[in-house]
N, C-alpha and C. Protein backbone atom coordinates (compact mmCIF):
# COMPACT_ATOMS: atom_id res chain seq x y z
N MET A 1 -69.38 38.42 -9.54
CA MET A 1 -70.53 37.13 -9.37
C MET A 1 -70.93 36.83 -10.50
N ASP A 2 -71.39 37.59 -11.49
CA ASP A 2 -71.66 36.82 -12.78
C ASP A 2 -70.76 35.98 -13.82
N ASP A 3 -69.43 36.43 -13.40
CA ASP A 3 -68.11 35.56 -13.96
C ASP A 3 -68.22 34.29 -13.60
N MET A 4 -68.09 34.26 -12.03
CA MET A 4 -68.27 32.99 -11.03
C MET A 4 -69.34 32.08 -11.72
N ALA A 5 -70.66 32.97 -11.68
CA ALA A 5 -71.66 32.02 -12.06
C ALA A 5 -71.40 31.29 -13.37
N GLU A 6 -71.01 31.83 -14.22
CA GLU A 6 -70.55 31.37 -15.36
C GLU A 6 -69.56 30.38 -15.41
N ARG A 7 -68.72 30.23 -14.84
CA ARG A 7 -67.66 29.46 -14.41
C ARG A 7 -68.20 28.15 -13.76
N ILE A 8 -69.10 28.27 -12.83
CA ILE A 8 -69.91 27.19 -12.07
C ILE A 8 -70.79 26.61 -13.19
N SER A 9 -71.28 27.23 -13.84
CA SER A 9 -72.49 26.50 -14.79
C SER A 9 -71.58 25.72 -15.89
N LYS A 10 -70.62 26.02 -16.59
CA LYS A 10 -69.79 25.50 -17.37
C LYS A 10 -69.02 24.42 -16.95
N ALA A 11 -68.48 24.33 -15.61
CA ALA A 11 -67.54 23.02 -15.07
C ALA A 11 -68.05 21.88 -15.26
N ASP A 12 -67.31 20.79 -15.35
CA ASP A 12 -68.05 19.39 -15.41
C ASP A 12 -68.02 18.81 -14.29
N CYS A 13 -67.00 19.36 -13.07
CA CYS A 13 -66.91 18.83 -11.72
C CYS A 13 -66.52 19.93 -10.92
N PHE A 14 -66.41 19.67 -9.64
CA PHE A 14 -65.84 20.68 -8.56
C PHE A 14 -64.97 19.88 -7.55
N VAL A 15 -64.01 20.40 -7.31
CA VAL A 15 -63.22 20.08 -5.96
C VAL A 15 -63.53 20.97 -4.95
N LEU A 16 -63.95 20.88 -3.76
CA LEU A 16 -64.43 21.67 -2.76
C LEU A 16 -63.28 21.28 -1.57
N VAL A 17 -62.71 22.54 -1.30
CA VAL A 17 -61.71 22.67 -0.61
C VAL A 17 -62.15 23.10 1.12
N SER A 18 -61.91 22.60 2.21
CA SER A 18 -62.39 23.26 3.31
C SER A 18 -61.76 22.89 4.50
N PRO A 19 -61.16 23.89 5.28
CA PRO A 19 -61.00 23.78 6.55
C PRO A 19 -61.97 23.31 7.59
N GLU A 20 -61.88 22.58 8.65
CA GLU A 20 -62.70 22.50 9.45
C GLU A 20 -62.65 23.84 10.70
N TYR A 21 -64.08 24.05 10.49
CA TYR A 21 -64.23 25.38 11.46
C TYR A 21 -65.72 24.92 12.22
N ASN A 22 -65.43 24.87 13.78
CA ASN A 22 -66.37 24.57 14.47
C ASN A 22 -66.92 23.33 14.24
N HIS A 23 -66.45 22.25 13.95
CA HIS A 23 -67.08 21.08 13.57
C HIS A 23 -67.62 21.02 12.21
N SER A 24 -67.53 22.07 11.21
CA SER A 24 -68.37 22.00 10.25
C SER A 24 -67.51 22.91 9.18
N ILE A 25 -68.00 23.38 7.99
CA ILE A 25 -67.21 24.40 7.32
C ILE A 25 -67.47 25.91 7.55
N PRO A 26 -66.49 26.77 7.10
CA PRO A 26 -66.69 28.22 7.38
C PRO A 26 -67.79 28.74 6.62
N PRO A 27 -68.53 29.80 7.59
CA PRO A 27 -69.78 30.50 6.61
C PRO A 27 -69.42 31.02 5.38
N PRO A 28 -68.37 31.55 5.16
CA PRO A 28 -68.05 32.02 3.88
C PRO A 28 -68.12 30.94 2.99
N LEU A 29 -67.89 29.89 3.14
CA LEU A 29 -68.00 28.54 2.15
C LEU A 29 -69.35 28.43 2.14
N SER A 30 -70.27 28.16 3.10
CA SER A 30 -71.35 28.15 2.95
C SER A 30 -72.37 28.60 2.43
N ASN A 31 -71.87 30.03 2.31
CA ASN A 31 -72.78 31.13 1.92
C ASN A 31 -72.29 31.17 0.37
N PHE A 32 -71.19 30.63 -0.29
CA PHE A 32 -70.78 30.73 -1.67
C PHE A 32 -71.50 29.69 -2.21
N LEU A 33 -71.50 28.51 -1.71
CA LEU A 33 -72.29 27.45 -2.29
C LEU A 33 -73.81 28.10 -2.24
N ASP A 34 -74.43 28.61 -1.34
CA ASP A 34 -75.87 29.07 -1.38
C ASP A 34 -76.11 29.80 -2.38
N HIS A 35 -75.59 30.73 -2.53
CA HIS A 35 -75.61 32.13 -3.25
C HIS A 35 -75.94 31.47 -4.77
N PHE A 36 -75.00 30.32 -5.30
CA PHE A 36 -75.51 30.37 -6.76
C PHE A 36 -76.38 29.08 -7.04
N GLY A 37 -76.88 28.44 -6.00
CA GLY A 37 -78.03 27.66 -6.20
C GLY A 37 -77.82 26.40 -6.80
N ASN A 38 -78.69 25.17 -6.72
CA ASN A 38 -78.60 24.00 -7.03
C ASN A 38 -78.70 23.98 -8.72
N SER A 39 -79.04 24.77 -9.32
CA SER A 39 -79.42 24.66 -10.72
C SER A 39 -77.77 24.67 -11.42
N ARG A 40 -77.00 25.23 -11.03
CA ARG A 40 -75.51 25.39 -11.28
C ARG A 40 -74.87 23.97 -10.91
N TYR A 41 -74.87 23.77 -9.90
CA TYR A 41 -73.98 22.43 -9.41
C TYR A 41 -74.61 21.23 -9.80
N ALA A 42 -75.99 21.16 -10.25
CA ALA A 42 -76.90 19.91 -10.14
C ALA A 42 -76.31 18.61 -11.43
N TYR A 43 -76.34 17.47 -11.33
CA TYR A 43 -75.79 16.81 -12.10
C TYR A 43 -74.22 16.62 -12.53
N LYS A 44 -73.47 17.35 -11.52
CA LYS A 44 -72.20 17.35 -11.71
C LYS A 44 -71.45 16.61 -10.40
N PRO A 45 -70.27 15.82 -10.59
CA PRO A 45 -69.61 15.53 -9.62
C PRO A 45 -68.56 16.42 -8.72
N SER A 46 -68.47 16.12 -7.42
CA SER A 46 -67.62 16.70 -6.75
C SER A 46 -66.88 15.88 -5.86
N ALA A 47 -65.63 16.31 -5.61
CA ALA A 47 -64.49 15.89 -4.64
C ALA A 47 -64.41 16.82 -3.50
N ILE A 48 -64.39 15.91 -2.54
CA ILE A 48 -64.40 16.81 -1.08
C ILE A 48 -62.89 16.79 -0.40
N CYS A 49 -62.63 17.96 -0.20
CA CYS A 49 -61.11 17.76 0.51
C CYS A 49 -61.10 18.79 1.75
N THR A 50 -60.56 17.99 2.92
CA THR A 50 -60.82 19.15 3.98
C THR A 50 -59.42 18.76 4.57
N TYR A 51 -59.12 19.59 5.79
CA TYR A 51 -58.14 19.82 6.60
C TYR A 51 -58.42 20.28 7.99
N SER A 52 -57.30 20.02 8.81
CA SER A 52 -57.52 20.58 10.23
C SER A 52 -56.28 20.27 10.88
N SER A 53 -56.35 21.19 11.89
CA SER A 53 -54.97 21.00 12.92
C SER A 53 -55.09 19.85 14.00
N GLY A 54 -56.22 19.08 13.73
CA GLY A 54 -56.29 18.09 14.54
C GLY A 54 -56.09 16.71 13.86
N PRO A 55 -56.34 15.49 14.53
CA PRO A 55 -55.92 14.14 13.83
C PRO A 55 -57.01 13.65 12.90
N PHE A 56 -58.10 14.54 12.84
CA PHE A 56 -58.99 13.86 11.67
C PHE A 56 -59.13 14.47 10.44
N GLY A 57 -58.38 15.50 10.34
CA GLY A 57 -58.36 15.96 8.92
C GLY A 57 -59.52 16.74 8.41
N GLY A 58 -60.44 17.04 9.43
CA GLY A 58 -61.74 18.05 8.80
C GLY A 58 -62.89 16.95 8.33
N VAL A 59 -63.05 15.81 8.88
CA VAL A 59 -63.64 14.93 8.28
C VAL A 59 -65.11 15.08 8.72
N ARG A 60 -65.32 16.17 9.98
CA ARG A 60 -66.57 16.63 10.28
C ARG A 60 -66.89 17.66 9.22
N ALA A 61 -66.21 18.44 8.75
CA ALA A 61 -66.63 19.58 7.76
C ALA A 61 -66.67 18.55 6.59
N ALA A 62 -66.24 17.57 6.18
CA ALA A 62 -66.55 16.69 5.13
C ALA A 62 -67.93 16.43 4.99
N MET A 63 -68.46 15.82 6.24
CA MET A 63 -69.71 15.33 6.27
C MET A 63 -70.84 16.42 6.10
N GLN A 64 -70.40 17.65 6.59
CA GLN A 64 -71.44 18.64 6.45
C GLN A 64 -71.46 18.88 4.74
N LEU A 65 -70.40 19.01 4.22
CA LEU A 65 -70.18 19.19 2.60
C LEU A 65 -70.85 18.15 1.79
N ARG A 66 -70.93 16.81 2.39
CA ARG A 66 -71.50 15.67 1.91
C ARG A 66 -72.97 16.15 1.53
N ALA A 67 -73.51 16.59 2.96
CA ALA A 67 -74.92 16.85 2.92
C ALA A 67 -75.40 18.01 2.22
N ILE A 68 -74.29 19.05 2.08
CA ILE A 68 -75.05 20.16 1.47
C ILE A 68 -74.72 20.06 -0.29
N THR A 69 -73.86 19.30 -0.73
CA THR A 69 -73.40 19.03 -1.86
C THR A 69 -74.86 18.24 -2.44
N GLY A 70 -75.26 17.26 -1.89
CA GLY A 70 -76.48 16.37 -1.92
C GLY A 70 -77.86 17.29 -2.03
N GLU A 71 -77.77 18.14 -1.23
CA GLU A 71 -78.94 19.25 -1.54
C GLU A 71 -78.97 20.06 -2.66
N LEU A 72 -77.56 20.33 -3.06
CA LEU A 72 -77.25 20.87 -4.37
C LEU A 72 -77.64 20.32 -5.65
N GLY A 73 -77.54 18.86 -5.37
CA GLY A 73 -77.76 17.93 -6.47
C GLY A 73 -76.24 17.54 -7.21
N CYS A 74 -75.47 17.90 -6.31
CA CYS A 74 -73.91 17.57 -6.80
C CYS A 74 -73.60 16.42 -6.34
N VAL A 75 -73.20 15.56 -7.00
CA VAL A 75 -72.82 14.27 -6.47
C VAL A 75 -71.66 14.16 -5.88
N ALA A 76 -71.31 13.76 -4.73
CA ALA A 76 -70.16 13.79 -4.03
C ALA A 76 -69.53 12.39 -4.33
N ILE A 77 -68.17 12.32 -4.72
CA ILE A 77 -67.94 11.09 -5.02
C ILE A 77 -67.55 10.32 -3.83
N GLY A 78 -67.27 8.88 -3.67
CA GLY A 78 -66.99 8.16 -2.33
C GLY A 78 -65.72 8.79 -1.58
N THR A 79 -64.68 8.56 -2.67
CA THR A 79 -63.15 9.14 -2.00
C THR A 79 -63.07 10.57 -1.79
N MET A 80 -62.68 10.59 -0.33
CA MET A 80 -62.27 11.84 0.02
C MET A 80 -60.95 12.09 0.18
N PHE A 81 -60.67 13.46 0.66
CA PHE A 81 -59.16 13.70 0.86
C PHE A 81 -59.13 14.31 2.20
N ALA A 82 -58.46 13.99 3.23
CA ALA A 82 -58.64 14.79 4.34
C ALA A 82 -57.19 14.89 5.08
N ALA A 83 -56.83 16.06 5.30
CA ALA A 83 -55.29 16.18 5.73
C ALA A 83 -55.31 16.50 7.23
N PRO A 84 -54.99 15.55 8.10
CA PRO A 84 -54.89 15.73 9.52
C PRO A 84 -53.55 16.69 9.99
N GLN A 85 -53.49 17.39 10.73
CA GLN A 85 -52.39 18.02 11.23
C GLN A 85 -51.62 19.05 10.10
N ALA A 86 -52.65 19.79 9.60
CA ALA A 86 -52.10 20.18 8.25
C ALA A 86 -50.90 21.19 8.63
N GLN A 87 -50.56 21.69 9.98
CA GLN A 87 -49.44 22.77 10.21
C GLN A 87 -48.25 21.87 10.16
N SER A 88 -48.23 20.52 10.14
CA SER A 88 -47.01 19.89 9.97
C SER A 88 -46.81 18.69 9.04
N SER A 89 -48.21 18.65 8.08
CA SER A 89 -48.21 17.65 7.09
C SER A 89 -47.81 18.43 5.73
N LEU A 90 -48.28 19.66 5.88
CA LEU A 90 -47.94 20.63 4.48
C LEU A 90 -46.79 21.54 4.98
N ASP A 91 -45.89 21.69 3.72
CA ASP A 91 -44.94 23.00 3.73
C ASP A 91 -45.79 24.28 3.40
N GLU A 92 -44.90 25.15 3.55
CA GLU A 92 -45.48 26.46 2.90
C GLU A 92 -46.03 26.74 1.67
N ALA A 93 -45.65 25.88 0.68
CA ALA A 93 -46.08 25.59 -0.66
C ALA A 93 -47.14 24.77 -0.93
N GLY A 94 -47.57 24.24 0.34
CA GLY A 94 -48.72 23.16 0.37
C GLY A 94 -48.30 21.59 -0.14
N LYS A 95 -46.99 21.45 -0.19
CA LYS A 95 -46.33 20.10 -0.55
C LYS A 95 -46.41 19.22 0.55
N PRO A 96 -46.95 18.00 0.82
CA PRO A 96 -47.05 17.13 1.50
C PRO A 96 -45.39 16.55 2.02
N VAL A 97 -45.62 16.60 3.46
CA VAL A 97 -44.01 16.34 4.01
C VAL A 97 -44.41 15.57 5.19
N GLY A 98 -43.43 15.07 5.97
CA GLY A 98 -43.45 14.31 7.31
C GLY A 98 -43.95 12.77 7.04
N PRO A 99 -44.37 12.32 8.01
CA PRO A 99 -44.87 10.74 7.93
C PRO A 99 -46.12 10.90 7.17
N ASN A 100 -47.29 11.93 6.95
CA ASN A 100 -48.28 11.80 6.47
C ASN A 100 -48.08 12.38 5.02
N GLY A 101 -46.79 12.45 4.52
CA GLY A 101 -46.77 13.06 3.33
C GLY A 101 -47.23 12.13 2.11
N GLU A 102 -46.77 10.84 2.22
CA GLU A 102 -47.23 9.83 1.05
C GLU A 102 -48.62 9.46 1.41
N LEU A 103 -49.15 9.43 2.45
CA LEU A 103 -50.57 8.88 2.59
C LEU A 103 -51.40 10.15 1.72
N LEU A 104 -50.90 11.26 2.03
CA LEU A 104 -51.79 12.48 1.72
C LEU A 104 -51.57 12.34 -0.11
N ILE A 105 -50.65 12.22 -0.42
CA ILE A 105 -50.29 11.98 -2.03
C ILE A 105 -51.13 10.82 -2.67
N GLY A 106 -51.08 9.66 -2.01
CA GLY A 106 -51.78 8.60 -2.15
C GLY A 106 -53.51 8.74 -2.18
N GLN A 107 -53.90 9.43 -1.29
CA GLN A 107 -55.05 9.89 -1.26
C GLN A 107 -55.57 10.91 -2.30
N MET A 108 -54.67 11.92 -2.42
CA MET A 108 -55.00 12.86 -3.82
C MET A 108 -55.26 12.16 -5.06
N LYS A 109 -54.32 11.10 -5.31
CA LYS A 109 -54.37 10.55 -6.18
C LYS A 109 -55.58 9.89 -6.72
N ALA A 110 -56.01 9.15 -5.72
CA ALA A 110 -57.25 8.30 -5.77
C ALA A 110 -58.30 9.11 -5.77
N VAL A 111 -58.47 10.30 -5.19
CA VAL A 111 -59.52 11.31 -5.38
C VAL A 111 -59.88 11.97 -6.86
N MET A 112 -58.64 12.08 -7.21
CA MET A 112 -58.54 12.60 -8.99
C MET A 112 -59.23 11.67 -9.79
N LYS A 113 -58.41 10.55 -9.54
CA LYS A 113 -58.79 9.29 -10.26
C LYS A 113 -60.18 8.92 -10.49
N GLN A 114 -60.94 8.95 -9.34
CA GLN A 114 -62.37 8.77 -9.10
C GLN A 114 -63.10 10.12 -9.63
N LEU A 115 -62.36 11.24 -9.60
CA LEU A 115 -63.32 12.35 -9.79
C LEU A 115 -63.25 12.63 -11.42
N SER A 116 -62.12 12.32 -12.05
CA SER A 116 -62.01 12.39 -13.51
C SER A 116 -63.07 11.37 -14.05
N TRP A 117 -63.01 10.17 -13.81
CA TRP A 117 -63.59 9.27 -14.14
C TRP A 117 -65.12 9.45 -14.04
N THR A 118 -65.59 9.82 -12.96
CA THR A 118 -66.99 10.08 -12.58
C THR A 118 -67.74 11.23 -13.64
N ALA A 119 -66.51 12.49 -13.73
CA ALA A 119 -66.77 13.72 -14.54
C ALA A 119 -67.18 13.21 -15.98
N GLU A 120 -66.15 12.26 -16.35
CA GLU A 120 -66.30 12.31 -17.86
C GLU A 120 -67.49 11.24 -18.25
N ALA A 121 -67.97 10.21 -17.01
CA ALA A 121 -68.87 9.30 -17.66
C ALA A 121 -70.31 10.12 -17.46
N MET A 122 -70.62 11.11 -16.45
CA MET A 122 -71.49 11.95 -16.42
C MET A 122 -71.65 12.81 -17.61
N LYS A 123 -70.48 13.39 -18.00
CA LYS A 123 -70.52 14.37 -19.21
C LYS A 123 -71.26 13.57 -20.53
N GLN A 124 -70.38 12.33 -20.71
CA GLN A 124 -71.05 11.60 -22.02
C GLN A 124 -72.48 11.26 -21.54
N HIS A 125 -72.99 10.98 -20.38
CA HIS A 125 -74.38 10.42 -20.31
C HIS A 125 -75.33 11.72 -20.37
N LYS A 126 -74.86 13.01 -19.88
CA LYS A 126 -75.60 13.94 -20.27
C LYS A 126 -75.77 14.44 -21.80
N ALA A 127 -74.50 13.89 -22.69
CA ALA A 127 -74.67 14.24 -23.73
C ALA A 127 -75.46 13.54 -24.71
N LYS A 128 -75.71 12.32 -24.19
CA LYS A 128 -76.25 11.11 -25.05
C LYS A 128 -77.75 11.48 -24.44
N VAL A 129 -78.11 11.52 -23.47
CA VAL A 129 -79.45 11.51 -22.95
C VAL A 129 -79.96 12.80 -22.34
N GLY A 130 -79.22 13.78 -22.48
CA GLY A 130 -79.60 15.14 -21.60
C GLY A 130 -79.95 14.98 -20.36
N LEU A 131 -80.33 16.08 -19.70
CA LEU A 131 -80.76 15.76 -18.14
C LEU A 131 -82.44 15.71 -17.85
N PRO A 132 -82.41 15.03 -16.58
CA PRO A 132 -84.08 14.62 -16.45
C PRO A 132 -84.87 16.01 -16.57
N GLN A 133 -86.16 15.89 -17.22
CA GLN A 133 -87.05 17.07 -17.30
C GLN A 133 -88.09 16.95 -16.10
């Protein structure tokens, strides 16, 4: 756990991946985020990526993650990744396939572009002015 705490502290950004579980996120993910507390996540951007077996791709879980990241002080970027019907949209290696394949690839490219830009901007601003006191 100490190693994980150090990794979280050193990270410039986060990619949060979650299935939809009872219209929310699974308890182990909630526990993990809560365990390390807001000081490790604060002033860092995050991307929210969800999936489900249904047609909405876990967006209900994404809304829960957006609220949790806000409480942790971790800024969730606006672009999200949602994989609907994951059982038929991804192969065993996780590669997008079928009619949703190109859509998923486009979504992920947009997410990573926005996350990397935001992470770099926030990193530069923190280096220039520091964190609020």
